[in-house]
Amino acid sequence: MTSHVTLKSWKRLSLFPHSALSFHAGHRGGTKMLLLVIITGLLASVSSKPCDTDGSNQDLLRSLNKNLLRSLDREEGRPNPSIHLALRLSDHHNLAKERDYLNKLKEELHNDIQSSLTNSRPATGILALYSLALKSSCYDLNTVTFTIGDKSETLLTQLKKQMEQEKEHIAFSQRPLTNYYQYSLGVLALCVSSIRVNNHVSHKLINAADQGHFKHGETESIDTYAMAGMALQCVKDSGFYVHNPAELDTALSKIKQKLLASSRTDGHLGNEFSTGLAVQALLAMGSDVADCAASMEAMRTAARNNVYHNPMAISQTLPALQKKSYLTIKSKQCLNEDDSLVLEPTNPPVVVTSTINVNLMVEVVTASGATALYSVDVPKGSSLLESLKLLKTKHVGFTFELESSLWGPFLSSVNGEQARQSDRRYWHLSSDGTALTEGVSDFKIEVAQKISIKNTSY
């Protein structure tokens, strides 16, 4: 919905960007240019490992694709349009399962969005993802409608209205009604569907990129830069922005520089969970991201190490590994598709509870700065969510509540205090001072550590 270190634990609808890895602006002039030249060369260079695009890499892609398909049977909560997008952008398909999931989106997700619109809740990001998912199946978006009051309007009309509200909110408060990640998704979804994007709507995104507004607190969001890059590249390709084409080119150039400058020594852009969208954006903006560029190798290594066990993470990474982006949807034709993906029967996983306990310290910091500290011994390998549930049974004073998102559950309330999106606050999670890049259900407690849960503004 995605770094630093913005956590899945605080994403609403998973449409907060996952990463906001900070790039410190200490480089100036020739030093910065040299850095960008070096990074660009690194991304374009061939890895020292042989580039096996027809062998093990293809096996890995099929394995990720199958894992994504299997996740549909384990899914809890609302269906995820991002998963459908990734399945439809893949080279190989299980068309029957994809059709079933499309129907689920059209029923369950559609009803959920209808409820949000009826109750005047912001729905920009989820509307945009829904439209992209439907278009990836070559579905006629003009037949998809929502009813507000006694008036029925198409999905794309509703999305245009949401974007106008977002634009007006920026003019009034210098920030979108939701955030720039969702705003970028809205621009992208309209553009991919060949809907002319209002110049004023595009200009707000261009201006935000130029002024470096893609942040959460003091950290830059690589996911937001990536989504904005895809959105603005689509606007450029479509010839929609006639106000000042030069400023559009400048914004795209700055976005590309930010993405390249976020490269880590291991090849990831931002972090493991932002690299997929970052590579998608670089591809969309015309960069030659070779099969064995450092970022591609980094994603494959992470995939082989099961870093991408969360379906949402796979859904953003798989298209990039196949050198595709969300812009690919614009020209997608659902003809003569490979239907060879067959899921072999699998044995249910054997859950083994560790007999080794590790100590977990949990610090809760409220919005006022008040601090409470708790201690609990948990089985090694427990998820943070399992550990918090155990802590709740051991300490009467510790409570928490969860909300669901496309990334999984996130903390909404701790010790009776909420961190609400409407107040632009979230629960920031860190371990021994290092911000987590996984949510409460994914992060594992392997060693004794201190987890801080802090009510934070953005």
Protein backbone atom coordinates (compact mmCIF):
# COMPACT_ATOMS: atom_id res chain seq x y z
CA MET A 1 0.00 0.00 0.00
CA THR A 2 5.41 0.51 1.16
CA SER A 3 12.04 1.26 4.05
CA HIS A 4 13.85 3.09 6.66
CA VAL A 5 11.39 2.12 7.02
CA THR A 6 7.88 2.56 6.84
CA LEU A 7 6.16 -0.53 8.09
CA LYS A 8 3.49 -2.76 6.74
CA SER A 9 2.16 -2.63 10.29
CA TRP A 10 0.82 0.89 9.71
CA LYS A 11 -0.38 0.77 6.15
CA ARG A 12 -4.02 1.52 5.55
CA LEU A 13 -5.26 -0.69 2.70
CA SER A 14 -1.57 -1.44 2.16
CA LEU A 15 -1.50 1.73 0.17
CA PHE A 16 1.07 3.47 2.25
CA PRO A 17 4.43 3.14 0.54
CA HIS A 18 6.46 0.36 2.06
CA SER A 19 9.78 2.10 2.09
CA ALA A 20 11.01 5.52 2.93
CA LEU A 21 14.69 4.79 3.02
CA SER A 22 16.50 8.02 3.64
CA PHE A 23 19.09 9.31 1.21
CA HIS A 24 21.06 11.97 3.02
CA ALA A 25 21.63 15.09 0.97
CA GLY A 26 25.27 15.40 1.86
CA HIS A 27 26.48 14.84 -1.69
CA ARG A 28 26.83 17.90 -3.85
CA GLY A 29 28.06 18.80 -7.31
CA GLY A 30 30.62 16.46 -8.84
CA THR A 31 30.51 14.02 -5.96
CA LYS A 32 26.80 13.41 -6.44
CA MET A 33 27.17 13.07 -10.20
CA LEU A 34 30.03 10.61 -9.73
CA LEU A 35 27.89 8.60 -7.33
CA LEU A 36 25.05 8.44 -9.84
CA VAL A 37 27.40 7.42 -12.65
CA ILE A 38 28.82 4.62 -10.51
CA ILE A 39 25.38 3.40 -9.45
CA THR A 40 24.06 3.55 -13.00
CA GLY A 41 27.01 1.49 -14.16
CA LEU A 42 26.42 -1.00 -11.39
CA LEU A 43 22.78 -1.44 -12.35
CA ALA A 44 23.65 -1.92 -16.01
CA SER A 45 26.60 -4.21 -15.42
CA VAL A 46 26.50 -7.95 -15.54
CA SER A 47 26.85 -9.78 -12.27
CA SER A 48 29.91 -11.89 -11.65
CA LYS A 49 27.52 -14.82 -11.41
CA PRO A 50 26.45 -16.42 -14.69
CA CYS A 51 23.15 -15.09 -16.00
CA ASP A 52 20.97 -18.19 -16.20
CA THR A 53 17.78 -16.69 -17.60
CA ASP A 54 16.62 -19.96 -19.16
CA GLY A 55 17.43 -22.27 -16.27
CA SER A 56 17.21 -21.71 -12.54
CA ASN A 57 15.93 -18.15 -12.92
CA GLN A 58 12.94 -19.37 -14.91
CA ASP A 59 12.34 -22.04 -12.29
CA LEU A 60 12.41 -19.33 -9.63
CA LEU A 61 9.85 -17.23 -11.51
CA ARG A 62 7.49 -20.17 -11.86
CA SER A 63 7.93 -20.97 -8.17
CA LEU A 64 7.06 -17.40 -7.17
CA ASN A 65 4.08 -17.48 -9.49
CA LYS A 66 2.82 -20.72 -7.94
CA ASN A 67 3.35 -19.34 -4.42
CA LEU A 68 1.20 -16.38 -5.36
CA LEU A 69 -1.53 -18.68 -6.70
CA ARG A 70 -1.41 -20.82 -3.55
CA SER A 71 -1.77 -17.73 -1.39
CA LEU A 72 -5.28 -17.26 -2.81
CA ASP A 73 -6.47 -20.35 -0.92
CA ARG A 74 -5.00 -19.08 2.37
CA GLU A 75 -6.19 -15.51 2.00
CA GLU A 76 -7.99 -13.82 4.86
CA GLY A 77 -9.88 -10.57 4.59
CA ARG A 78 -10.53 -8.65 1.42
CA PRO A 79 -9.18 -9.94 -1.91
CA ASN A 80 -6.01 -8.20 -3.05
CA PRO A 81 -6.02 -6.52 -6.49
CA SER A 82 -2.22 -6.29 -6.44
CA ILE A 83 -2.00 -10.10 -6.46
CA HIS A 84 -4.32 -10.28 -9.45
CA LEU A 85 -2.21 -7.67 -11.24
CA ALA A 86 0.95 -9.73 -10.78
CA LEU A 87 -0.74 -12.94 -11.93
CA ARG A 88 -2.05 -11.22 -15.06
CA LEU A 89 1.32 -9.63 -15.88
CA SER A 90 3.08 -12.98 -15.58
CA ASP A 91 4.32 -14.97 -18.56
CA HIS A 92 2.55 -18.11 -17.34
CA HIS A 93 -1.02 -18.50 -16.13
CA ASN A 94 -3.57 -20.67 -14.44
CA LEU A 95 -6.50 -19.02 -16.19
CA ALA A 96 -9.19 -20.84 -14.23
CA LYS A 97 -7.88 -19.64 -10.85
CA GLU A 98 -7.36 -16.15 -12.24
CA ARG A 99 -10.97 -16.02 -13.44
CA ASP A 100 -12.20 -17.18 -10.04
CA TYR A 101 -10.17 -14.49 -8.32
CA LEU A 102 -11.38 -11.83 -10.73
CA ASN A 103 -14.95 -12.72 -9.79
CA LYS A 104 -14.01 -12.47 -6.12
CA LEU A 105 -12.61 -8.99 -6.70
CA LYS A 106 -15.75 -7.93 -8.55
CA GLU A 107 -17.93 -9.06 -5.67
CA GLU A 108 -16.14 -8.73 -2.32
CA LEU A 109 -13.70 -5.92 -3.06
CA HIS A 110 -16.30 -4.04 -5.07
CA ASN A 111 -18.72 -4.13 -2.13
CA ASP A 112 -15.99 -2.98 0.24
CA ILE A 113 -15.15 -0.01 -1.97
CA GLN A 114 -18.86 0.79 -2.33
CA SER A 115 -19.08 0.94 1.47
CA SER A 116 -16.12 3.34 1.63
CA LEU A 117 -17.62 5.63 -0.99
CA THR A 118 -21.05 5.56 0.65
CA ASN A 119 -19.52 6.58 3.96
CA SER A 120 -17.29 9.26 2.38
CA ARG A 121 -14.06 7.47 3.30
CA PRO A 122 -11.06 8.19 1.04
CA ALA A 123 -10.67 5.36 -1.47
CA THR A 124 -8.19 6.69 -4.03
CA GLY A 125 -5.58 3.95 -3.77
CA ILE A 126 -7.87 0.94 -3.60
CA LEU A 127 -10.03 2.30 -6.45
CA ALA A 128 -6.91 2.74 -8.56
CA LEU A 129 -5.60 -0.76 -7.82
CA TYR A 130 -9.04 -2.23 -8.49
CA SER A 131 -9.21 -0.54 -11.90
CA LEU A 132 -5.68 -1.70 -12.79
CA ALA A 133 -6.56 -5.26 -11.78
CA LEU A 134 -9.71 -5.26 -13.91
CA LYS A 135 -7.88 -3.76 -16.89
CA SER A 136 -5.15 -6.40 -16.58
CA SER A 137 -7.91 -8.93 -17.37
CA CYS A 138 -9.07 -6.78 -20.30
CA TYR A 139 -12.33 -6.16 -18.45
CA ASP A 140 -14.58 -3.36 -19.72
CA LEU A 141 -14.28 -0.72 -16.98
CA ASN A 142 -17.27 1.18 -18.37
CA THR A 143 -19.50 -1.62 -17.07
CA VAL A 144 -18.25 -1.23 -13.48
CA THR A 145 -20.33 1.24 -11.49
CA PHE A 146 -20.78 2.54 -7.96
CA THR A 147 -23.88 4.20 -6.56
CA ILE A 148 -23.64 7.29 -4.38
CA GLY A 149 -27.02 8.43 -3.13
CA ASP A 150 -29.33 7.66 -6.03
CA LYS A 151 -26.73 8.32 -8.74
CA SER A 152 -24.77 5.55 -10.44
CA GLU A 153 -21.36 6.37 -11.97
CA THR A 154 -18.53 4.34 -13.47
CA LEU A 155 -15.43 3.32 -11.54
CA LEU A 156 -13.21 5.68 -13.55
CA THR A 157 -15.59 8.60 -12.96
CA GLN A 158 -15.42 7.91 -9.23
CA LEU A 159 -11.62 7.73 -9.41
CA LYS A 160 -11.49 11.09 -11.22
CA LYS A 161 -13.63 12.59 -8.44
CA GLN A 162 -11.33 11.14 -5.79
CA MET A 163 -8.35 12.70 -7.56
CA GLU A 164 -10.06 16.09 -7.67
CA GLN A 165 -10.62 15.85 -3.91
CA GLU A 166 -6.96 14.90 -3.42
CA LYS A 167 -5.85 17.84 -5.60
CA GLU A 168 -8.02 20.30 -3.69
CA HIS A 169 -6.67 19.00 -0.39
CA ILE A 170 -3.11 19.62 -1.60
CA ALA A 171 -4.03 23.18 -2.54
CA PHE A 172 -5.56 23.71 0.90
CA SER A 173 -3.12 21.87 3.20
CA GLN A 174 -0.01 21.20 1.05
CA ARG A 175 -0.58 17.44 1.15
CA PRO A 176 -3.02 14.92 -0.35
CA LEU A 177 -6.11 13.69 1.42
CA THR A 178 -4.41 10.26 1.61
CA ASN A 179 -0.72 10.34 0.59
CA TYR A 180 1.38 10.78 -2.54
CA TYR A 181 1.67 7.01 -3.04
CA GLN A 182 -2.10 6.71 -3.44
CA TYR A 183 -2.18 9.95 -5.44
CA SER A 184 0.39 8.49 -7.85
CA LEU A 185 -1.61 5.28 -8.13
CA GLY A 186 -4.66 7.33 -9.07
CA VAL A 187 -2.80 9.20 -11.81
CA LEU A 188 -1.37 5.93 -13.10
CA ALA A 189 -4.71 4.11 -13.16
CA LEU A 190 -6.48 6.91 -15.04
CA CYS A 191 -3.63 7.23 -17.54
CA VAL A 192 -3.31 3.50 -18.16
CA SER A 193 -7.04 3.46 -18.94
CA SER A 194 -6.49 6.27 -21.50
CA ILE A 195 -8.40 8.78 -19.39
CA ARG A 196 -6.95 12.27 -19.80
CA VAL A 197 -5.44 13.34 -16.50
CA ASN A 198 -6.22 16.92 -15.53
CA ASN A 199 -3.13 19.12 -15.98
CA HIS A 200 -3.61 20.51 -12.48
CA VAL A 201 -3.67 16.97 -11.05
CA SER A 202 -0.44 16.06 -12.85
CA HIS A 203 1.17 19.36 -11.88
CA LYS A 204 0.60 18.67 -8.19
CA LEU A 205 2.52 15.38 -8.53
CA ILE A 206 5.28 17.00 -10.60
CA ASN A 207 5.63 19.73 -8.02
CA ALA A 208 5.78 17.24 -5.15
CA ALA A 209 8.56 15.30 -6.90
CA ASP A 210 10.48 18.49 -7.62
CA GLN A 211 10.25 19.69 -4.02
CA GLY A 212 11.03 16.32 -2.45
CA HIS A 213 7.66 15.82 -0.74
CA PHE A 214 7.69 12.03 -1.02
CA LYS A 215 8.52 11.53 2.63
CA HIS A 216 7.21 10.11 5.88
CA GLY A 217 8.63 12.26 8.59
CA GLU A 218 12.27 12.81 7.66
CA THR A 219 12.65 9.67 5.56
CA GLU A 220 12.22 9.47 1.81
CA SER A 221 9.81 6.91 0.39
CA ILE A 222 11.36 4.94 -2.45
CA ASP A 223 8.00 3.26 -3.14
CA THR A 224 6.37 6.64 -3.66
CA TYR A 225 9.13 7.82 -5.99
CA ALA A 226 8.68 4.58 -7.95
CA MET A 227 4.90 4.87 -8.24
CA ALA A 228 5.16 8.56 -9.15
CA GLY A 229 7.75 7.71 -11.79
CA MET A 230 5.44 5.19 -13.45
CA ALA A 231 2.50 7.59 -13.26
CA LEU A 232 4.34 10.54 -14.75
CA GLN A 233 5.99 8.42 -17.43
CA CYS A 234 2.54 7.29 -18.50
CA VAL A 235 1.37 10.91 -18.58
CA LYS A 236 4.38 11.82 -20.73
CA ASP A 237 3.90 8.90 -23.12
CA SER A 238 0.23 9.79 -23.50
CA GLY A 239 0.93 13.43 -24.31
CA PHE A 240 -1.58 14.48 -21.65
CA TYR A 241 0.57 17.12 -19.98
CA VAL A 242 0.76 20.19 -22.18
CA HIS A 243 1.17 22.81 -19.45
CA ASN A 244 4.99 22.63 -19.32
CA PRO A 245 6.60 19.47 -20.79
CA ALA A 246 10.05 20.58 -19.60
CA GLU A 247 9.03 20.46 -15.93
CA LEU A 248 7.63 16.97 -16.47
CA ASP A 249 10.98 15.84 -17.89
CA THR A 250 12.79 17.45 -14.96
CA ALA A 251 10.56 15.62 -12.46
CA LEU A 252 11.13 12.28 -14.18
CA SER A 253 14.87 12.87 -14.19
CA LYS A 254 14.85 13.68 -10.48
CA ILE A 255 12.78 10.58 -9.69
CA LYS A 256 15.18 8.37 -11.63
CA GLN A 257 18.14 9.88 -9.77
CA LYS A 258 16.44 9.27 -6.41
CA LEU A 259 15.80 5.63 -7.29
CA LEU A 260 19.36 5.04 -8.46
CA ALA A 261 20.81 6.85 -5.47
CA SER A 262 18.89 4.57 -3.10
CA SER A 263 21.00 1.57 -4.17
CA ARG A 264 22.51 -0.44 -1.32
CA THR A 265 25.75 -2.38 -1.54
CA ASP A 266 23.78 -5.60 -2.00
CA GLY A 267 21.92 -4.18 -5.02
CA HIS A 268 18.56 -3.49 -3.41
CA LEU A 269 16.96 -0.13 -4.09
CA GLY A 270 15.74 1.24 -0.78
CA ASN A 271 15.28 -2.15 0.85
CA GLU A 272 14.20 -5.67 -0.09
CA PHE A 273 10.54 -4.68 -0.24
CA SER A 274 10.87 -1.50 -2.28
CA THR A 275 13.20 -2.90 -4.96
CA GLY A 276 10.41 -4.46 -7.03
CA LEU A 277 8.51 -1.21 -7.52
CA ALA A 278 11.77 0.73 -8.01
CA VAL A 279 12.88 -1.62 -10.80
CA GLN A 280 9.42 -1.45 -12.36
CA ALA A 281 9.72 2.34 -12.43
CA LEU A 282 13.21 2.30 -13.92
CA LEU A 283 12.01 -0.07 -16.62
CA ALA A 284 8.99 2.13 -17.33
CA MET A 285 11.23 5.19 -17.56
CA GLY A 286 13.44 3.51 -20.14
CA SER A 287 16.38 2.32 -18.05
CA ASP A 288 18.16 -0.77 -19.28
CA VAL A 289 17.82 -2.98 -16.22
CA ALA A 290 19.69 -6.02 -17.52
CA ASP A 291 18.85 -9.55 -16.40
CA CYS A 292 21.93 -9.67 -14.22
CA ALA A 293 22.01 -6.09 -13.00
CA ALA A 294 22.68 -5.86 -9.29
CA SER A 295 19.05 -5.03 -8.46
CA MET A 296 17.72 -8.06 -10.38
CA GLU A 297 20.22 -10.36 -8.70
CA ALA A 298 19.34 -8.87 -5.31
CA MET A 299 15.65 -9.66 -5.81
CA ARG A 300 16.40 -13.21 -6.97
CA THR A 301 18.67 -13.81 -3.99
CA ALA A 302 16.01 -12.49 -1.62
CA ALA A 303 13.37 -14.67 -3.29
CA ARG A 304 15.52 -17.80 -2.95
CA ASN A 305 15.99 -16.96 0.74
CA ASN A 306 12.18 -16.72 1.16
CA VAL A 307 12.29 -13.04 2.03
CA TYR A 308 9.21 -12.55 -0.16
CA HIS A 309 6.89 -14.88 1.73
CA ASN A 310 4.25 -12.18 2.04
CA PRO A 311 1.97 -12.35 -1.07
CA MET A 312 1.92 -8.56 -1.38
CA ALA A 313 5.72 -8.52 -1.55
CA ILE A 314 5.69 -11.18 -4.29
CA SER A 315 3.06 -9.26 -6.23
CA GLN A 316 5.29 -6.20 -6.51
CA THR A 317 8.50 -8.16 -7.19
CA LEU A 318 7.38 -10.75 -9.75
CA PRO A 319 6.56 -8.25 -12.54
CA ALA A 320 9.95 -6.58 -12.09
CA LEU A 321 11.77 -9.92 -12.29
CA GLN A 322 10.03 -10.49 -15.62
CA LYS A 323 11.10 -6.99 -16.73
CA LYS A 324 7.54 -5.65 -16.73
CA SER A 325 5.87 -2.74 -14.99
CA TYR A 326 2.33 -1.60 -14.27
CA LEU A 327 2.58 0.46 -17.46
CA THR A 328 2.58 -2.85 -19.35
CA ILE A 329 -1.14 -3.09 -18.57
CA LYS A 330 -1.90 -0.22 -20.95
CA SER A 331 -1.03 -2.30 -24.02
CA LYS A 332 -1.91 -5.72 -22.64
CA GLN A 333 -4.01 -7.98 -24.85
CA CYS A 334 -5.56 -11.06 -23.28
CA LEU A 335 -4.97 -13.30 -26.30
CA ASN A 336 -3.26 -16.67 -26.68
CA GLU A 337 -2.10 -16.69 -23.06
CA ASP A 338 0.02 -19.53 -21.76
CA ASP A 339 -2.19 -21.65 -19.46
CA SER A 340 0.46 -24.11 -18.33
CA LEU A 341 0.75 -23.24 -14.64
CA VAL A 342 -0.43 -26.27 -12.68
CA LEU A 343 -0.33 -26.42 -8.89
CA GLU A 344 1.01 -29.69 -7.58
CA PRO A 345 -0.52 -31.02 -4.35
CA THR A 346 1.43 -29.92 -1.30
CA ASN A 347 1.53 -31.30 2.20
CA PRO A 348 0.36 -28.90 4.90
CA PRO A 349 3.31 -27.32 6.71
CA VAL A 350 4.31 -28.95 9.97
CA VAL A 351 4.33 -26.35 12.73
CA VAL A 352 7.06 -27.07 15.25
CA THR A 353 7.02 -25.00 18.42
CA SER A 354 10.50 -24.12 19.59
CA THR A 355 11.51 -25.34 23.04
CA ILE A 356 14.01 -22.48 23.28
CA ASN A 357 12.74 -19.21 24.71
CA VAL A 358 14.24 -15.78 24.11
CA ASN A 359 13.56 -12.61 26.06
CA LEU A 360 11.59 -9.85 24.42
CA MET A 361 11.45 -6.35 25.83
CA VAL A 362 8.57 -4.26 24.50
CA GLU A 363 8.60 -0.49 24.84
CA VAL A 364 5.44 1.50 24.13
CA VAL A 365 5.85 5.23 23.52
CA THR A 366 2.63 7.25 23.39
CA ALA A 367 2.03 10.42 21.37
CA SER A 368 2.75 12.47 24.49
CA GLY A 369 6.10 10.75 24.97
CA ALA A 370 5.05 8.64 27.98
CA THR A 371 6.83 5.28 28.03
CA ALA A 372 5.86 1.84 29.33
CA LEU A 373 8.25 -1.12 29.32
CA TYR A 374 7.31 -4.82 29.40
CA SER A 375 9.23 -8.09 29.36
CA VAL A 376 8.17 -11.53 28.19
CA ASP A 377 9.89 -14.78 27.21
CA VAL A 378 8.69 -16.10 23.83
CA PRO A 379 9.49 -19.25 21.82
CA LYS A 380 12.34 -18.60 19.41
CA GLY A 381 10.99 -18.03 15.90
CA SER A 382 7.64 -16.62 17.06
CA SER A 383 6.19 -13.84 14.96
CA LEU A 384 6.00 -10.42 16.58
CA LEU A 385 2.21 -10.74 16.50
CA GLU A 386 2.33 -14.07 18.37
CA SER A 387 4.74 -12.49 20.86
CA LEU A 388 2.47 -9.51 21.48
CA LYS A 389 -0.48 -11.85 22.03
CA LEU A 390 1.59 -13.76 24.61
CA LEU A 391 2.63 -10.50 26.25
CA LYS A 392 -1.02 -9.47 26.45
CA THR A 393 -1.81 -12.60 28.49
CA LYS A 394 1.12 -11.99 30.83
CA HIS A 395 0.66 -8.26 31.52
CA VAL A 396 -2.78 -6.91 32.34
CA GLY A 397 -1.72 -3.37 31.43
CA PHE A 398 -0.71 -4.22 27.86
CA THR A 399 -3.41 -4.25 25.18
CA PHE A 400 -3.49 -3.81 21.42
CA GLU A 401 -5.91 -3.89 18.52
CA LEU A 402 -5.37 -4.75 14.87
CA GLU A 403 -6.75 -3.65 11.53
CA SER A 404 -6.37 -5.51 8.27
CA SER A 405 -4.55 -4.33 5.17
CA LEU A 406 -3.39 -5.82 1.89
CA TRP A 407 -0.02 -6.45 3.55
CA GLY A 408 -1.59 -8.21 6.53
CA PRO A 409 -2.60 -6.99 10.00
CA PHE A 410 -1.18 -3.77 11.44
CA LEU A 411 -1.40 -2.17 14.87
CA SER A 412 -4.15 0.41 15.15
CA SER A 413 -4.39 0.81 18.91
CA VAL A 414 -1.91 0.09 21.72
CA ASN A 415 -2.79 0.43 25.41
CA GLY A 416 -6.02 2.14 24.39
CA GLU A 417 -4.34 4.85 22.29
CA GLN A 418 -5.00 5.01 18.57
CA ALA A 419 -2.64 6.10 15.81
CA ARG A 420 -5.09 7.06 13.10
CA GLN A 421 -4.52 7.84 9.45
CA SER A 422 -6.97 10.72 9.77
CA ASP A 423 -4.54 12.28 12.27
CA ARG A 424 -1.56 11.32 10.06
CA ARG A 425 -0.14 9.05 12.74
CA TYR A 426 0.97 5.41 12.86
CA TRP A 427 2.67 2.94 15.20
CA HIS A 428 6.34 2.87 14.23
CA LEU A 429 8.06 -0.43 15.04
CA SER A 430 11.78 -0.85 15.60
CA SER A 431 14.08 -3.52 16.97
CA ASP A 432 17.03 -2.35 19.04
CA GLY A 433 16.74 1.03 17.36
CA THR A 434 16.48 -0.27 13.77
CA ALA A 435 13.12 0.24 12.08
CA LEU A 436 11.41 -2.93 10.94
CA THR A 437 10.75 -3.56 7.27
CA GLU A 438 8.20 -6.28 7.99
CA GLY A 439 4.84 -6.17 9.70
CA VAL A 440 3.75 -7.75 12.96
CA SER A 441 2.73 -11.07 11.40
CA ASP A 442 5.92 -11.42 9.31
CA PHE A 443 8.74 -10.28 11.60
CA LYS A 444 10.23 -13.18 13.57
CA ILE A 445 11.77 -13.04 17.03
CA GLU A 446 14.94 -15.14 16.65
CA VAL A 447 17.12 -13.53 19.36
CA ALA A 448 16.61 -11.52 22.52
CA GLN A 449 15.82 -7.92 21.59
CA LYS A 450 13.92 -4.78 22.43
CA ILE A 451 10.93 -3.87 20.27
CA SER A 452 9.81 -0.25 20.39
CA ILE A 453 6.22 0.65 19.44
CA LYS A 454 6.01 4.41 19.03
CA ASN A 455 3.03 6.59 18.16
CA THR A 456 4.52 8.63 15.33
CA SER A 457 3.35 11.40 13.02
CA TYR A 458 4.06 11.60 9.29
